[in-house]
Protein backbone atom coordinates (compact mmCIF):
# COMPACT_ATOMS: atom_id res chain seq x y z
CA GLY A 1 -30.77 -35.75 73.35
CA ILE A 2 -27.14 -34.87 74.21
CA ALA A 3 -28.21 -33.17 77.45
CA LEU A 4 -30.10 -36.32 78.48
CA VAL A 5 -27.06 -38.53 77.79
CA VAL A 6 -24.84 -36.19 79.83
CA ALA A 7 -27.36 -36.24 82.68
CA PHE A 8 -27.38 -40.04 82.72
CA ALA A 9 -23.56 -40.10 82.66
CA ILE A 10 -23.35 -37.71 85.63
CA ALA A 11 -25.92 -39.75 87.54
CA ALA A 12 -23.98 -42.95 86.86
CA CYS A 13 -20.72 -41.40 88.07
CA SER A 14 -22.29 -39.95 91.21
CA SER A 15 -23.76 -43.33 92.14
CA ALA A 16 -20.41 -45.16 91.88
CA ARG A 17 -19.13 -46.44 95.21
CA TYR A 18 -15.54 -46.86 96.27
CA VAL A 19 -14.60 -49.31 98.98
CA GLU A 20 -11.32 -49.34 100.84
CA VAL A 21 -9.15 -52.41 100.34
CA PRO A 22 -6.92 -53.18 103.34
CA PRO A 23 -3.16 -53.18 102.78
CA ARG A 24 -1.60 -56.48 101.77
CA LEU A 25 0.74 -56.22 104.76
CA ASP A 26 -1.21 -55.18 107.87
CA LEU A 27 1.21 -54.45 110.71
CA HIS A 28 -1.44 -54.03 113.43
CA PRO A 29 -1.73 -57.76 114.29
CA ILE A 30 2.07 -58.04 114.42
CA GLY A 31 2.59 -55.38 117.09
CA PRO A 32 5.57 -53.00 117.46
CA VAL A 33 8.18 -53.37 114.72
CA GLY A 34 11.80 -52.33 114.52
CA LEU A 35 13.43 -50.56 111.60
CA VAL A 36 17.17 -50.84 111.01
CA SER A 37 18.86 -48.00 109.15
CA PHE A 38 19.22 -49.25 105.58
CA THR A 39 22.69 -50.26 104.46
CA THR A 40 24.11 -48.87 101.21
CA VAL A 41 26.12 -50.13 98.26
CA ASN A 42 27.90 -47.54 96.08
CA ALA A 43 26.14 -44.75 97.99
CA ARG A 44 26.87 -42.56 100.99
CA PRO A 45 25.44 -43.74 104.35
CA ALA A 46 23.46 -40.49 104.44
CA MET A 47 21.40 -41.72 101.48
CA GLY A 48 20.58 -44.92 103.36
CA GLU A 49 19.50 -42.87 106.37
CA ARG A 50 17.34 -40.68 104.14
CA ALA A 51 15.72 -43.74 102.58
CA THR A 52 15.08 -45.13 106.07
CA ARG A 53 13.36 -41.92 107.21
CA GLN A 54 11.20 -41.80 104.09
CA PHE A 55 10.31 -45.47 104.52
CA ALA A 56 9.26 -44.92 108.14
CA ALA A 57 7.15 -41.90 107.16
CA GLN A 58 5.35 -43.87 104.44
CA VAL A 59 4.67 -46.84 106.75
CA LEU A 60 3.36 -44.65 109.57
CA GLY A 61 1.29 -42.63 107.12
CA GLY A 62 -0.24 -45.74 105.60
CA GLN A 63 -1.22 -47.41 108.88
CA SER A 64 -2.23 -45.27 111.84
CA GLY A 65 -1.69 -46.47 115.38
CA ILE A 66 1.33 -48.69 114.73
CA GLU A 67 4.69 -48.34 116.48
CA VAL A 68 8.00 -48.23 114.61
CA LEU A 69 11.23 -48.26 116.61
CA GLU A 70 14.17 -46.99 114.56
CA ILE A 71 17.48 -48.71 115.31
CA GLN A 72 20.30 -46.25 114.65
CA PRO A 73 23.70 -47.09 113.08
CA SER A 74 25.39 -46.48 116.46
CA ASP A 75 23.38 -49.26 118.15
CA SER A 76 25.46 -52.23 119.31
CA LEU A 77 23.03 -54.57 117.55
CA LEU A 78 24.28 -53.31 114.19
CA ARG A 79 27.88 -54.11 115.12
CA TYR A 80 26.60 -57.63 115.77
CA ALA A 81 24.97 -57.63 112.32
CA ALA A 82 28.20 -56.47 110.69
CA ASP A 83 29.80 -59.75 111.78
CA LYS A 84 26.92 -62.16 111.21
CA GLY A 85 24.59 -60.42 108.75
CA TYR A 86 20.86 -59.73 109.01
CA GLY A 87 19.85 -63.34 109.46
CA PRO A 88 17.67 -65.21 111.98
CA ASP A 89 20.18 -64.75 114.83
CA PHE A 90 20.17 -61.00 114.34
CA ALA A 91 16.36 -60.81 114.18
CA GLN A 92 16.02 -62.82 117.40
CA ALA A 93 18.61 -60.61 119.10
CA VAL A 94 16.55 -57.55 118.15
CA GLY A 95 13.48 -59.17 119.68
CA ARG A 96 15.28 -59.86 122.95
CA GLN A 97 16.85 -56.42 123.25
CA LYS A 98 14.16 -54.16 121.78
CA GLY A 99 10.93 -56.03 122.58
CA VAL A 100 9.55 -55.80 119.04
CA ALA A 101 7.72 -58.59 117.21
CA ALA A 102 9.40 -58.02 113.84
CA VAL A 103 12.12 -55.89 112.29
CA PHE A 104 12.58 -54.28 108.87
CA VAL A 105 16.03 -54.52 107.27
CA GLY A 106 16.94 -53.13 103.88
CA GLN A 107 19.64 -52.20 101.42
CA LEU A 108 19.93 -49.31 98.96
CA GLU A 109 22.20 -49.92 95.98
CA VAL A 110 23.05 -47.11 93.58
CA THR A 111 24.59 -47.34 90.14
CA GLY A 112 26.46 -44.22 89.05
CA ALA A 113 25.79 -42.22 85.90
CA LYS A 114 25.88 -44.48 82.86
CA PRO A 115 26.10 -43.04 79.34
CA ALA A 116 23.56 -44.15 76.77
CA GLY A 117 22.35 -42.88 73.43
CA TRP A 118 22.44 -43.24 69.67
CA VAL A 119 24.22 -41.80 66.64
CA ALA A 120 22.22 -41.69 63.42
CA ASN A 121 24.89 -39.77 61.52
CA ALA A 122 27.30 -36.89 62.03
CA GLN A 123 24.39 -34.42 62.10
CA ASN A 124 22.04 -36.36 64.41
CA VAL A 125 23.41 -37.50 67.78
CA GLN A 126 21.78 -38.04 71.15
CA VAL A 127 23.85 -39.00 74.20
CA GLY A 128 22.73 -38.93 77.84
CA ALA A 129 23.46 -40.39 81.25
CA SER A 130 21.28 -41.86 83.96
CA VAL A 131 21.51 -43.09 87.56
CA THR A 132 19.79 -46.21 88.87
CA GLY A 133 18.83 -47.15 92.41
CA THR A 134 17.52 -50.42 93.84
CA LEU A 135 15.88 -50.69 97.25
CA SER A 136 15.30 -54.11 98.82
CA VAL A 137 13.50 -54.49 102.17
CA LYS A 138 12.55 -57.51 104.32
CA LEU A 139 10.43 -57.89 107.44
CA LEU A 140 11.91 -60.53 109.74
CA SER A 141 10.12 -62.23 112.63
CA THR A 142 12.05 -61.68 115.85
CA LYS A 143 10.64 -64.93 117.22
CA SER A 144 11.62 -67.38 114.47
CA GLY A 145 13.98 -65.19 112.46
CA GLY A 146 12.05 -66.07 109.29
CA THR A 147 11.06 -63.65 106.54
CA MET A 148 7.47 -62.43 106.88
CA TRP A 149 7.48 -60.08 103.87
CA GLN A 150 9.89 -58.72 101.28
CA SER A 151 9.81 -56.24 98.44
CA SER A 152 12.24 -54.57 96.08
CA SER A 153 12.10 -51.86 93.47
CA THR A 154 14.41 -50.30 90.88
CA ALA A 155 14.18 -46.75 89.51
CA THR A 156 16.22 -44.86 86.93
CA GLU A 157 16.49 -41.10 86.50
CA LYS A 158 18.22 -39.07 83.79
CA VAL A 159 21.13 -36.84 84.80
CA GLY A 160 21.78 -35.04 81.54
CA GLU A 161 21.56 -35.20 77.77
CA VAL A 162 23.37 -33.80 74.78
CA SER A 163 21.56 -33.78 71.45
CA LEU A 164 22.73 -32.79 68.00
CA THR A 165 19.86 -32.42 65.52
CA ARG A 166 20.71 -31.32 61.99
CA GLY A 167 23.97 -29.94 63.34
CA THR A 168 22.31 -27.87 66.10
CA PRO A 169 23.40 -28.85 69.65
CA THR A 170 21.05 -28.97 72.65
CA ILE A 171 22.37 -29.59 76.15
CA SER A 172 20.28 -30.37 79.23
CA ALA A 173 21.97 -30.93 82.59
CA ARG A 174 20.66 -32.02 85.97
CA ASN A 175 22.31 -32.15 89.37
CA PRO A 176 23.02 -35.85 90.12
CA GLU A 177 21.81 -35.30 93.70
CA ASP A 178 18.41 -34.23 92.36
CA ALA A 179 18.28 -37.36 90.20
CA TYR A 180 19.18 -39.55 93.19
CA ALA A 181 16.50 -37.87 95.33
CA ALA A 182 13.84 -38.38 92.65
CA ALA A 183 14.80 -42.04 92.22
CA LEU A 184 14.80 -42.55 95.99
CA GLY A 185 11.30 -41.13 96.35
CA ARG A 186 10.00 -43.50 93.67
CA LEU A 187 11.75 -46.48 95.26
CA VAL A 188 10.34 -45.89 98.74
CA ASP A 189 6.86 -45.22 97.39
CA ASP A 190 6.90 -48.45 95.40
CA VAL A 191 8.36 -50.67 98.15
CA THR A 192 5.83 -49.46 100.74
CA SER A 193 2.78 -49.88 98.49
CA ASP A 194 1.87 -53.18 100.22
CA MET A 195 1.42 -51.26 103.48
CA ARG A 196 -1.05 -48.69 102.20
CA PRO A 197 -4.78 -49.24 101.69
CA THR A 198 -6.17 -48.87 98.18
CA TRP A 199 -9.62 -48.03 96.83
CA ARG A 200 -11.71 -50.20 94.54
CA LYS A 201 -14.65 -48.97 92.50
CA GLU A 202 -17.87 -50.98 92.86
């Protein structure tokens, strides 16, 4: 009896079909897109550049055959943006100078290590610290300057923890750079999810 049930279960699983669901944001109809190096708040510019590279890799990996033109911090267009911001005028200027149909702009904001924890009594204490990052990205039309798509994500990673249980201390430490890198990977993966196909079981 059990063997028959197992056989039916295997047959049912093997007959299941999965169909690919197109990404919510398909860049193919748009044409070539620009990508401005992400700005940073409370973080080194190098972290913004790293986030930009990871973002580009995820977008290109999710949609084959598209073109992404990276606009470096040294580009004169970004000096223009420093004065006027990443608004419609900037997007249209990118279209004129770079010949792309749309441009991604984004910002990475990092919150430094914040302590958190609880104290039950003198013998039971738990105190730790964490870092938080927020990545916000928009896709602007270089024709109208309007927003075609936007997404944001927030991720928190622990840096370290000190515990005192029944008077016995336990200390766990983590390099803040490792915590930032882990949070950054989660942020980029989440923000780019709209540009990757998914699979649905039928």
